[in-house]
Amino acid sequence: MKWEDRGRSRNLEDRRAAGPGRMGLPLGLGGLLLVLAISAITGIDLSAVLGTGPSSRVSPPVTQEELDGEEEQVRFVSFVLDDVQGTWRQLVQGEYPEATLVLYRDAVESGCGLAPAAAGPFYCPLDTSVYIDLAFYDDLRLRYGAPGDLAQAYVIAHEIGHHLQNLTGTLDQVREGQQAAPGQANALSVALELQADCYAGVWAASADGRGVLEAGDVQEGLDAAAAVGDDRLSGMAGRSASQETFTHGSSEQRATWFATGYETGDPNACDTFAAGL
């Protein structure tokens, strides 16, 4: 990517030096929504599942040297965050309230509860913030085999896609659908995640049209989307893949919907809910 160092985004909140706090169960956005839906249906407080239980791990405080060593990556994240949100300001009709991106280490207190870094990057609709532990990018490269700056940018663009879903009411509709039909909760979560992948592709098309992307960048995005498919993650964990248990979509589905967004450049092409998934 041909990114520019424009300093830190005004929408960036850095909590890396704040300490990890308490640890909870690893949940992504689909898991957060599902737990909230179950709480609403049963009337049982499941906040402990969201991470409000006792501490299980505390890491040493981050040093200033470590923070300084990550500053270039922080500037990159800031550039991508502003570029993605700038794209949606242009594409969305009406007002576009911007999301905040929170950098943290090990665990973080969000509006959706405490979450460990094992949850991976996530978006919390209750405080309209994206949460990322920069160590995830090491996992993306080393563990999932998805290197490159566009792969990292895809993660941010995907999570901002969830912010767009929040603004358009899609997240509320999914939550209501999961409450009304718990048996469809996973399928609705898959459609939600694939739409966010498609939105990430729409941003990539815009960035490419403005000369931000370089040769090979789009393939990095496709590889990143495929790397975190439910079937691939199941295989890495030594489990057989089962479509009924998917919450984010298969590798093929994720790459396909990212490609759909990129090839069309049109958010209207991202109606994964009408695609019969």
C-alpha atoms as a PDB file:
ATOM      1  CA  MET A   1       0.000   0.000   0.000  1.00  0.00           C
ATOM      2  CA  LYS A   2       1.100   3.565  -0.696  1.00  0.00           C
ATOM      3  CA  TRP A   3       0.175   4.884   2.704  1.00  0.00           C
ATOM      4  CA  GLU A   4       1.226   8.211   4.164  1.00  0.00           C
ATOM      5  CA  ASP A   5       2.228   9.047   7.707  1.00  0.00           C
ATOM      6  CA  ARG A   6      -0.378  11.633   8.658  1.00  0.00           C
ATOM      7  CA  GLY A   7       0.148  11.311  12.370  1.00  0.00           C
ATOM      8  CA  ARG A   8      -2.324   9.722  14.731  1.00  0.00           C
ATOM      9  CA  SER A   9      -5.994   9.725  13.841  1.00  0.00           C
ATOM     10  CA  ARG A  10      -8.268  11.859  15.997  1.00  0.00           C
ATOM     11  CA  ASN A  11     -10.413   8.713  16.257  1.00  0.00           C
ATOM     12  CA  LEU A  12      -7.587   6.596  17.691  1.00  0.00           C
ATOM     13  CA  GLU A  13      -7.548   5.813  21.413  1.00  0.00           C
ATOM     14  CA  ASP A  14      -4.363   4.215  22.719  1.00  0.00           C
ATOM     15  CA  ARG A  15      -4.816   2.097  25.859  1.00  0.00           C
ATOM     16  CA  ARG A  16      -1.765  -0.128  25.391  1.00  0.00           C
ATOM     17  CA  ALA A  17      -0.086   1.260  28.513  1.00  0.00           C
ATOM     18  CA  ALA A  18      -3.215   0.985  30.658  1.00  0.00           C
ATOM     19  CA  GLY A  19      -2.670  -2.661  31.650  1.00  0.00           C
ATOM     20  CA  PRO A  20      -4.693  -5.753  30.729  1.00  0.00           C
ATOM     21  CA  GLY A  21      -7.181  -5.713  33.609  1.00  0.00           C
ATOM     22  CA  ARG A  22      -9.324  -8.823  33.968  1.00  0.00           C
ATOM     23  CA  MET A  23      -9.708 -11.568  31.435  1.00  0.00           C
ATOM     24  CA  GLY A  24     -12.870 -13.150  30.052  1.00  0.00           C
ATOM     25  CA  LEU A  25     -13.894 -15.723  27.482  1.00  0.00           C
ATOM     26  CA  PRO A  26     -12.738 -15.187  23.866  1.00  0.00           C
ATOM     27  CA  LEU A  27     -15.701 -13.951  21.858  1.00  0.00           C
ATOM     28  CA  GLY A  28     -15.898 -12.240  18.485  1.00  0.00           C
ATOM     29  CA  LEU A  29     -18.717  -9.948  17.376  1.00  0.00           C
ATOM     30  CA  GLY A  30     -20.956 -12.900  16.512  1.00  0.00           C
ATOM     31  CA  GLY A  31     -20.359 -14.377  19.948  1.00  0.00           C
ATOM     32  CA  LEU A  32     -21.077 -11.064  21.651  1.00  0.00           C
ATOM     33  CA  LEU A  33     -24.340 -10.669  19.769  1.00  0.00           C
ATOM     34  CA  LEU A  34     -25.361 -14.248  20.453  1.00  0.00           C
ATOM     35  CA  VAL A  35     -24.707 -13.959  24.192  1.00  0.00           C
ATOM     36  CA  LEU A  36     -26.673 -10.718  24.329  1.00  0.00           C
ATOM     37  CA  ALA A  37     -29.520 -12.398  22.459  1.00  0.00           C
ATOM     38  CA  ILE A  38     -29.566 -15.370  24.844  1.00  0.00           C
ATOM     39  CA  SER A  39     -29.588 -12.982  27.801  1.00  0.00           C
ATOM     40  CA  ALA A  40     -32.593 -11.188  26.359  1.00  0.00           C
ATOM     41  CA  ILE A  41     -34.462 -14.432  25.729  1.00  0.00           C
ATOM     42  CA  THR A  42     -33.773 -16.144  29.047  1.00  0.00           C
ATOM     43  CA  GLY A  43     -33.572 -13.146  31.346  1.00  0.00           C
ATOM     44  CA  ILE A  44     -30.360 -14.605  32.777  1.00  0.00           C
ATOM     45  CA  ASP A  45     -27.426 -12.241  33.216  1.00  0.00           C
ATOM     46  CA  LEU A  46     -24.626 -13.685  31.097  1.00  0.00           C
ATOM     47  CA  SER A  47     -22.274 -10.740  31.542  1.00  0.00           C
ATOM     48  CA  ALA A  48     -19.642 -13.088  32.962  1.00  0.00           C
ATOM     49  CA  VAL A  49     -19.428 -14.771  29.565  1.00  0.00           C
ATOM     50  CA  LEU A  50     -18.690 -11.388  28.045  1.00  0.00           C
ATOM     51  CA  GLY A  51     -15.649 -11.113  30.248  1.00  0.00           C
ATOM     52  CA  THR A  52     -16.647  -9.686  33.621  1.00  0.00           C
ATOM     53  CA  GLY A  53     -15.357 -12.678  35.559  1.00  0.00           C
ATOM     54  CA  PRO A  54     -12.225 -12.882  37.704  1.00  0.00           C
ATOM     55  CA  SER A  55      -8.790 -12.264  36.300  1.00  0.00           C
ATOM     56  CA  SER A  56      -6.979 -15.249  34.804  1.00  0.00           C
ATOM     57  CA  ARG A  57      -3.859 -13.589  33.389  1.00  0.00           C
ATOM     58  CA  VAL A  58      -1.958 -10.385  33.940  1.00  0.00           C
ATOM     59  CA  SER A  59       1.012  -9.448  31.747  1.00  0.00           C
ATOM     60  CA  PRO A  60       3.896  -7.168  32.742  1.00  0.00           C
ATOM     61  CA  PRO A  61       3.287  -3.480  32.019  1.00  0.00           C
ATOM     62  CA  VAL A  62       4.254  -2.375  28.526  1.00  0.00           C
ATOM     63  CA  THR A  63       7.439  -0.292  28.388  1.00  0.00           C
ATOM     64  CA  GLN A  64       7.871   3.016  26.600  1.00  0.00           C
ATOM     65  CA  GLU A  65      10.477   1.352  24.403  1.00  0.00           C
ATOM     66  CA  GLU A  66       7.890  -1.173  23.263  1.00  0.00           C
ATOM     67  CA  LEU A  67       5.385   1.584  22.592  1.00  0.00           C
ATOM     68  CA  ASP A  68       7.926   3.554  20.574  1.00  0.00           C
ATOM     69  CA  GLY A  69       8.790   0.429  18.589  1.00  0.00           C
ATOM     70  CA  GLU A  70       5.164   0.088  17.497  1.00  0.00           C
ATOM     71  CA  GLU A  71       4.665   3.740  16.554  1.00  0.00           C
ATOM     72  CA  GLU A  72       5.032   3.188  12.812  1.00  0.00           C
ATOM     73  CA  GLN A  73       2.340   0.515  12.971  1.00  0.00           C
ATOM     74  CA  VAL A  74       0.137   2.862  14.979  1.00  0.00           C
ATOM     75  CA  ARG A  75       0.546   5.489  12.247  1.00  0.00           C
ATOM     76  CA  PHE A  76      -0.351   2.891   9.614  1.00  0.00           C
ATOM     77  CA  VAL A  77      -3.469   1.877  11.534  1.00  0.00           C
ATOM     78  CA  SER A  78      -4.386   5.560  11.823  1.00  0.00           C
ATOM     79  CA  PHE A  79      -4.001   6.065   8.075  1.00  0.00           C
ATOM     80  CA  VAL A  80      -6.178   3.068   7.237  1.00  0.00           C
ATOM     81  CA  LEU A  81      -8.805   4.012   9.813  1.00  0.00           C
ATOM     82  CA  ASP A  82      -9.133   7.527   8.403  1.00  0.00           C
ATOM     83  CA  ASP A  83      -9.055   6.304   4.804  1.00  0.00           C
ATOM     84  CA  VAL A  84     -11.785   3.709   5.377  1.00  0.00           C
ATOM     85  CA  GLN A  85     -14.019   6.145   7.230  1.00  0.00           C
ATOM     86  CA  GLY A  86     -13.349   8.851   4.673  1.00  0.00           C
ATOM     87  CA  THR A  87     -14.565   6.422   2.008  1.00  0.00           C
ATOM     88  CA  TRP A  88     -17.817   5.790   3.863  1.00  0.00           C
ATOM     89  CA  ARG A  89     -18.382   9.497   4.442  1.00  0.00           C
ATOM     90  CA  GLN A  90     -18.401   9.798   0.661  1.00  0.00           C
ATOM     91  CA  LEU A  91     -20.568   6.742   0.006  1.00  0.00           C
ATOM     92  CA  VAL A  92     -23.143   7.011   2.789  1.00  0.00           C
ATOM     93  CA  GLN A  93     -26.055   9.336   2.202  1.00  0.00           C
ATOM     94  CA  GLY A  94     -26.557  11.665   5.129  1.00  0.00           C
ATOM     95  CA  GLU A  95     -24.457  11.938   8.255  1.00  0.00           C
ATOM     96  CA  TYR A  96     -21.732   9.393   9.026  1.00  0.00           C
ATOM     97  CA  PRO A  97     -20.768   9.429  12.736  1.00  0.00           C
ATOM     98  CA  GLU A  98     -17.212   8.110  12.914  1.00  0.00           C
ATOM     99  CA  ALA A  99     -16.155   5.093  14.954  1.00  0.00           C
ATOM    100  CA  THR A 100     -13.267   5.099  17.414  1.00  0.00           C
ATOM    101  CA  LEU A 101     -10.448   2.563  17.161  1.00  0.00           C
ATOM    102  CA  VAL A 102      -9.000   1.445  20.506  1.00  0.00           C
ATOM    103  CA  LEU A 103      -5.527  -0.084  20.696  1.00  0.00           C
ATOM    104  CA  TYR A 104      -4.929  -2.289  23.733  1.00  0.00           C
ATOM    105  CA  ARG A 105      -2.733  -5.038  25.162  1.00  0.00           C
ATOM    106  CA  ASP A 106      -3.911  -8.487  26.331  1.00  0.00           C
ATOM    107  CA  ALA A 107      -7.423  -7.504  27.479  1.00  0.00           C
ATOM    108  CA  VAL A 108      -9.700  -4.502  27.296  1.00  0.00           C
ATOM    109  CA  GLU A 109     -12.784  -3.045  28.918  1.00  0.00           C
ATOM    110  CA  SER A 110     -15.308  -2.277  26.189  1.00  0.00           C
ATOM    111  CA  GLY A 111     -18.906  -1.167  26.197  1.00  0.00           C
ATOM    112  CA  CYS A 112     -19.738  -4.829  25.517  1.00  0.00           C
ATOM    113  CA  GLY A 113     -17.784  -6.109  28.529  1.00  0.00           C
ATOM    114  CA  LEU A 114     -14.216  -7.165  29.160  1.00  0.00           C
ATOM    115  CA  ALA A 115     -12.600  -9.062  26.290  1.00  0.00           C
ATOM    116  CA  PRO A 116      -9.240 -10.841  25.964  1.00  0.00           C
ATOM    117  CA  ALA A 117      -6.938 -10.434  23.000  1.00  0.00           C
ATOM    118  CA  ALA A 118      -7.767 -14.056  22.119  1.00  0.00           C
ATOM    119  CA  ALA A 119     -11.147 -12.755  20.957  1.00  0.00           C
ATOM    120  CA  GLY A 120      -9.391 -11.068  18.046  1.00  0.00           C
ATOM    121  CA  PRO A 121     -10.336  -7.646  16.704  1.00  0.00           C
ATOM    122  CA  PHE A 122     -13.976  -6.772  17.334  1.00  0.00           C
ATOM    123  CA  TYR A 123     -16.512  -3.980  17.072  1.00  0.00           C
ATOM    124  CA  CYS A 124     -18.714  -3.042  20.010  1.00  0.00           C
ATOM    125  CA  PRO A 125     -21.966  -1.360  18.910  1.00  0.00           C
ATOM    126  CA  LEU A 126     -22.658  -0.115  22.435  1.00  0.00           C
ATOM    127  CA  ASP A 127     -19.714   2.309  22.342  1.00  0.00           C
ATOM    128  CA  THR A 128     -19.248   2.429  18.529  1.00  0.00           C
ATOM    129  CA  SER A 129     -15.609   1.392  18.861  1.00  0.00           C
ATOM    130  CA  VAL A 130     -13.291  -1.073  17.157  1.00  0.00           C
ATOM    131  CA  TYR A 131     -10.803  -2.876  19.433  1.00  0.00           C
ATOM    132  CA  ILE A 132      -7.474  -4.250  18.198  1.00  0.00           C
ATOM    133  CA  ASP A 133      -4.448  -5.703  19.956  1.00  0.00           C
ATOM    134  CA  LEU A 134      -1.566  -5.102  17.526  1.00  0.00           C
ATOM    135  CA  ALA A 135      -0.208  -8.550  18.392  1.00  0.00           C
ATOM    136  CA  PHE A 136      -3.049  -9.934  16.268  1.00  0.00           C
ATOM    137  CA  TYR A 137      -1.181  -8.808  13.186  1.00  0.00           C
ATOM    138  CA  ASP A 138       1.692 -11.091  14.149  1.00  0.00           C
ATOM    139  CA  ASP A 139      -0.794 -13.960  14.411  1.00  0.00           C
ATOM    140  CA  LEU A 140      -2.298 -13.006  11.065  1.00  0.00           C
ATOM    141  CA  ARG A 141       1.124 -13.252   9.418  1.00  0.00           C
ATOM    142  CA  LEU A 142       2.704 -16.153  11.294  1.00  0.00           C
ATOM    143  CA  ARG A 143      -0.191 -18.343  12.382  1.00  0.00           C
ATOM    144  CA  TYR A 144      -2.756 -17.716   9.657  1.00  0.00           C
ATOM    145  CA  GLY A 145      -0.342 -17.187   6.773  1.00  0.00           C
ATOM    146  CA  ALA A 146      -1.738 -13.825   5.687  1.00  0.00           C
ATOM    147  CA  PRO A 147       1.143 -11.310   5.529  1.00  0.00           C
ATOM    148  CA  GLY A 148       1.130  -7.832   4.013  1.00  0.00           C
ATOM    149  CA  ASP A 149      -0.158  -4.385   4.801  1.00  0.00           C
ATOM    150  CA  LEU A 150      -3.402  -4.879   2.860  1.00  0.00           C
ATOM    151  CA  ALA A 151      -4.117  -7.940   4.995  1.00  0.00           C
ATOM    152  CA  GLN A 152      -3.791  -5.715   8.054  1.00  0.00           C
ATOM    153  CA  ALA A 153      -5.925  -3.017   6.467  1.00  0.00           C
ATOM    154  CA  TYR A 154      -8.603  -5.594   5.639  1.00  0.00           C
ATOM    155  CA  VAL A 155      -9.051  -6.287   9.362  1.00  0.00           C
ATOM    156  CA  ILE A 156      -9.768  -2.622  10.071  1.00  0.00           C
ATOM    157  CA  ALA A 157     -12.020  -2.240   7.038  1.00  0.00           C
ATOM    158  CA  HIS A 158     -13.996  -5.328   8.082  1.00  0.00           C
ATOM    159  CA  GLU A 159     -14.580  -3.997  11.594  1.00  0.00           C
ATOM    160  CA  ILE A 160     -15.588  -0.573  10.283  1.00  0.00           C
ATOM    161  CA  GLY A 161     -18.021  -2.518   8.115  1.00  0.00           C
ATOM    162  CA  HIS A 162     -19.694  -3.587  11.361  1.00  0.00           C
ATOM    163  CA  HIS A 163     -19.871   0.084  12.360  1.00  0.00           C
ATOM    164  CA  LEU A 164     -21.683   0.792   9.108  1.00  0.00           C
ATOM    165  CA  GLN A 165     -24.080  -2.062   9.910  1.00  0.00           C
ATOM    166  CA  ASN A 166     -24.703  -0.460  13.275  1.00  0.00           C
ATOM    167  CA  LEU A 167     -25.470   2.915  11.685  1.00  0.00           C
ATOM    168  CA  THR A 168     -27.858   1.372   9.142  1.00  0.00           C
ATOM    169  CA  GLY A 169     -29.712  -0.704  11.737  1.00  0.00           C
ATOM    170  CA  THR A 170     -28.503  -4.051  10.406  1.00  0.00           C
ATOM    171  CA  LEU A 171     -26.969  -5.065  13.740  1.00  0.00           C
ATOM    172  CA  ASP A 172     -30.270  -4.408  15.530  1.00  0.00           C
ATOM    173  CA  GLN A 173     -32.156  -6.399  12.920  1.00  0.00           C
ATOM    174  CA  VAL A 174     -29.777  -9.331  13.294  1.00  0.00           C
ATOM    175  CA  ARG A 175     -30.049  -9.245  17.080  1.00  0.00           C
ATOM    176  CA  GLU A 176     -33.849  -9.197  16.848  1.00  0.00           C
ATOM    177  CA  GLY A 177     -33.753 -12.063  14.348  1.00  0.00           C
ATOM    178  CA  GLN A 178     -31.526 -14.115  16.630  1.00  0.00           C
ATOM    179  CA  GLN A 179     -33.879 -13.502  19.538  1.00  0.00           C
ATOM    180  CA  ALA A 180     -36.923 -14.452  17.488  1.00  0.00           C
ATOM    181  CA  ALA A 181     -35.327 -17.543  15.920  1.00  0.00           C
ATOM    182  CA  PRO A 182     -32.365 -18.831  17.980  1.00  0.00           C
ATOM    183  CA  GLY A 183     -31.949 -21.698  15.528  1.00  0.00           C
ATOM    184  CA  GLN A 184     -31.003 -19.162  12.855  1.00  0.00           C
ATOM    185  CA  ALA A 185     -28.531 -17.292  15.067  1.00  0.00           C
ATOM    186  CA  ASN A 186     -25.423 -18.744  13.417  1.00  0.00           C
ATOM    187  CA  ALA A 187     -26.722 -18.253   9.876  1.00  0.00           C
ATOM    188  CA  LEU A 188     -27.535 -14.623  10.617  1.00  0.00           C
ATOM    189  CA  SER A 189     -24.082 -14.147  12.122  1.00  0.00           C
ATOM    190  CA  VAL A 190     -22.494 -15.567   8.955  1.00  0.00           C
ATOM    191  CA  ALA A 191     -24.474 -13.174   6.749  1.00  0.00           C
ATOM    192  CA  LEU A 192     -23.431 -10.296   9.017  1.00  0.00           C
ATOM    193  CA  GLU A 193     -19.739 -11.165   8.813  1.00  0.00           C
ATOM    194  CA  LEU A 194     -19.765 -11.746   5.064  1.00  0.00           C
ATOM    195  CA  GLN A 195     -21.433  -8.383   4.518  1.00  0.00           C
ATOM    196  CA  ALA A 196     -18.622  -6.763   6.512  1.00  0.00           C
ATOM    197  CA  ASP A 197     -16.143  -8.594   4.252  1.00  0.00           C
ATOM    198  CA  CYS A 198     -17.955  -7.197   1.228  1.00  0.00           C
ATOM    199  CA  TYR A 199     -17.842  -3.692   2.695  1.00  0.00           C
ATOM    200  CA  ALA A 200     -14.087  -4.141   3.167  1.00  0.00           C
ATOM    201  CA  GLY A 201     -13.886  -4.964  -0.530  1.00  0.00           C
ATOM    202  CA  VAL A 202     -15.833  -1.803  -1.389  1.00  0.00           C
ATOM    203  CA  TRP A 203     -13.249   0.215   0.496  1.00  0.00           C
ATOM    204  CA  ALA A 204     -10.425  -1.634  -1.312  1.00  0.00           C
ATOM    205  CA  ALA A 205     -12.003  -0.678  -4.652  1.00  0.00           C
ATOM    206  CA  SER A 206     -12.074   2.964  -3.595  1.00  0.00           C
ATOM    207  CA  ALA A 207      -8.474   2.836  -2.373  1.00  0.00           C
ATOM    208  CA  ASP A 208      -7.368   1.199  -5.615  1.00  0.00           C
ATOM    209  CA  GLY A 209      -9.126   3.850  -7.663  1.00  0.00           C
ATOM    210  CA  ARG A 210      -7.263   6.547  -5.741  1.00  0.00           C
ATOM    211  CA  GLY A 211      -3.873   4.909  -6.291  1.00  0.00           C
ATOM    212  CA  VAL A 212      -3.457   3.738  -2.677  1.00  0.00           C
ATOM    213  CA  LEU A 213      -3.113   0.052  -3.555  1.00  0.00           C
ATOM    214  CA  GLU A 214      -0.160  -1.574  -5.261  1.00  0.00           C
ATOM    215  CA  ALA A 215       0.240  -4.740  -7.322  1.00  0.00           C
ATOM    216  CA  GLY A 216      -0.555  -7.786  -5.215  1.00  0.00           C
ATOM    217  CA  ASP A 217      -2.466  -5.882  -2.546  1.00  0.00           C
ATOM    218  CA  VAL A 218      -5.891  -7.176  -3.543  1.00  0.00           C
ATOM    219  CA  GLN A 219      -4.612 -10.757  -3.364  1.00  0.00           C
ATOM    220  CA  GLU A 220      -3.357 -10.026   0.153  1.00  0.00           C
ATOM    221  CA  GLY A 221      -6.882  -8.973   1.078  1.00  0.00           C
ATOM    222  CA  LEU A 222      -8.372 -12.096  -0.461  1.00  0.00           C
ATOM    223  CA  ASP A 223      -5.826 -14.263   1.350  1.00  0.00           C
ATOM    224  CA  ALA A 224      -6.585 -12.555   4.658  1.00  0.00           C
ATOM    225  CA  ALA A 225     -10.325 -13.082   4.243  1.00  0.00           C
ATOM    226  CA  ALA A 226      -9.798 -16.752   3.401  1.00  0.00           C
ATOM    227  CA  ALA A 227      -7.314 -17.219   6.246  1.00  0.00           C
ATOM    228  CA  VAL A 228      -9.973 -16.598   8.893  1.00  0.00           C
ATOM    229  CA  GLY A 229     -12.717 -18.744   7.390  1.00  0.00           C
ATOM    230  CA  ASP A 230     -14.521 -20.996   9.858  1.00  0.00           C
ATOM    231  CA  ASP A 231     -13.563 -24.151   7.984  1.00  0.00           C
ATOM    232  CA  ARG A 232      -9.880 -23.256   7.985  1.00  0.00           C
ATOM    233  CA  LEU A 233      -9.907 -22.307  11.659  1.00  0.00           C
ATOM    234  CA  SER A 234     -11.665 -25.586  12.489  1.00  0.00           C
ATOM    235  CA  GLY A 235      -9.000 -27.516  10.597  1.00  0.00           C
ATOM    236  CA  MET A 236      -6.215 -25.670  12.403  1.00  0.00           C
ATOM    237  CA  ALA A 237      -7.837 -26.627  15.715  1.00  0.00           C
ATOM    238  CA  GLY A 238      -8.072 -30.266  14.661  1.00  0.00           C
ATOM    239  CA  ARG A 239     -11.856 -30.231  14.352  1.00  0.00           C
ATOM    240  CA  SER A 240     -14.005 -31.200  11.389  1.00  0.00           C
ATOM    241  CA  ALA A 241     -15.787 -28.311   9.713  1.00  0.00           C
ATOM    242  CA  SER A 242     -19.564 -28.174  10.115  1.00  0.00           C
ATOM    243  CA  GLN A 243     -21.549 -25.560   8.188  1.00  0.00           C
ATOM    244  CA  GLU A 244     -24.199 -25.432  10.924  1.00  0.00           C
ATOM    245  CA  THR A 245     -21.663 -24.226  13.485  1.00  0.00           C
ATOM    246  CA  PHE A 246     -20.126 -21.511  11.313  1.00  0.00           C
ATOM    247  CA  THR A 247     -20.446 -17.952  12.627  1.00  0.00           C
ATOM    248  CA  HIS A 248     -18.245 -16.084  10.141  1.00  0.00           C
ATOM    249  CA  GLY A 249     -18.420 -18.104   6.915  1.00  0.00           C
ATOM    250  CA  SER A 250     -16.113 -20.450   5.067  1.00  0.00           C
ATOM    251  CA  SER A 251     -12.814 -19.353   3.536  1.00  0.00           C
ATOM    252  CA  GLU A 252     -14.381 -19.468   0.088  1.00  0.00           C
ATOM    253  CA  GLN A 253     -17.379 -17.399   1.172  1.00  0.00           C
ATOM    254  CA  ARG A 254     -15.254 -14.761   2.871  1.00  0.00           C
ATOM    255  CA  ALA A 255     -12.915 -14.353  -0.094  1.00  0.00           C
ATOM    256  CA  THR A 256     -15.856 -14.352  -2.528  1.00  0.00           C
ATOM    257  CA  TRP A 257     -17.700 -11.560  -0.738  1.00  0.00           C
ATOM    258  CA  PHE A 258     -14.550  -9.474  -0.362  1.00  0.00           C
ATOM    259  CA  ALA A 259     -14.077  -9.894  -4.111  1.00  0.00           C
ATOM    260  CA  THR A 260     -17.713  -8.909  -4.724  1.00  0.00           C
ATOM    261  CA  GLY A 261     -17.204  -5.652  -2.885  1.00  0.00           C
ATOM    262  CA  TYR A 262     -13.945  -4.968  -4.694  1.00  0.00           C
ATOM    263  CA  GLU A 263     -15.208  -5.814  -8.170  1.00  0.00           C
ATOM    264  CA  THR A 264     -18.406  -3.775  -7.877  1.00  0.00           C
ATOM    265  CA  GLY A 265     -17.286  -0.972  -5.579  1.00  0.00           C
ATOM    266  CA  ASP A 266     -20.949  -0.789  -4.629  1.00  0.00           C
ATOM    267  CA  PRO A 267     -22.216  -1.349  -1.071  1.00  0.00           C
ATOM    268  CA  ASN A 268     -25.624  -2.210  -2.534  1.00  0.00           C
ATOM    269  CA  ALA A 269     -24.027  -5.393  -3.925  1.00  0.00           C
ATOM    270  CA  CYS A 270     -23.312  -6.541  -0.368  1.00  0.00           C
ATOM    271  CA  ASP A 271     -26.778  -7.853   0.556  1.00  0.00           C
ATOM    272  CA  THR A 272     -25.602 -11.178   1.923  1.00  0.00           C
ATOM    273  CA  PHE A 273     -28.929 -11.631   3.731  1.00  0.00           C
ATOM    274  CA  ALA A 274     -30.782 -11.868   0.427  1.00  0.00           C
ATOM    275  CA  ALA A 275     -28.223 -14.322  -0.958  1.00  0.00           C
ATOM    276  CA  GLY A 276     -29.769 -17.283   0.857  1.00  0.00           C
ATOM    277  CA  LEU A 277     -26.701 -18.075   2.953  1.00  0.00           C
END
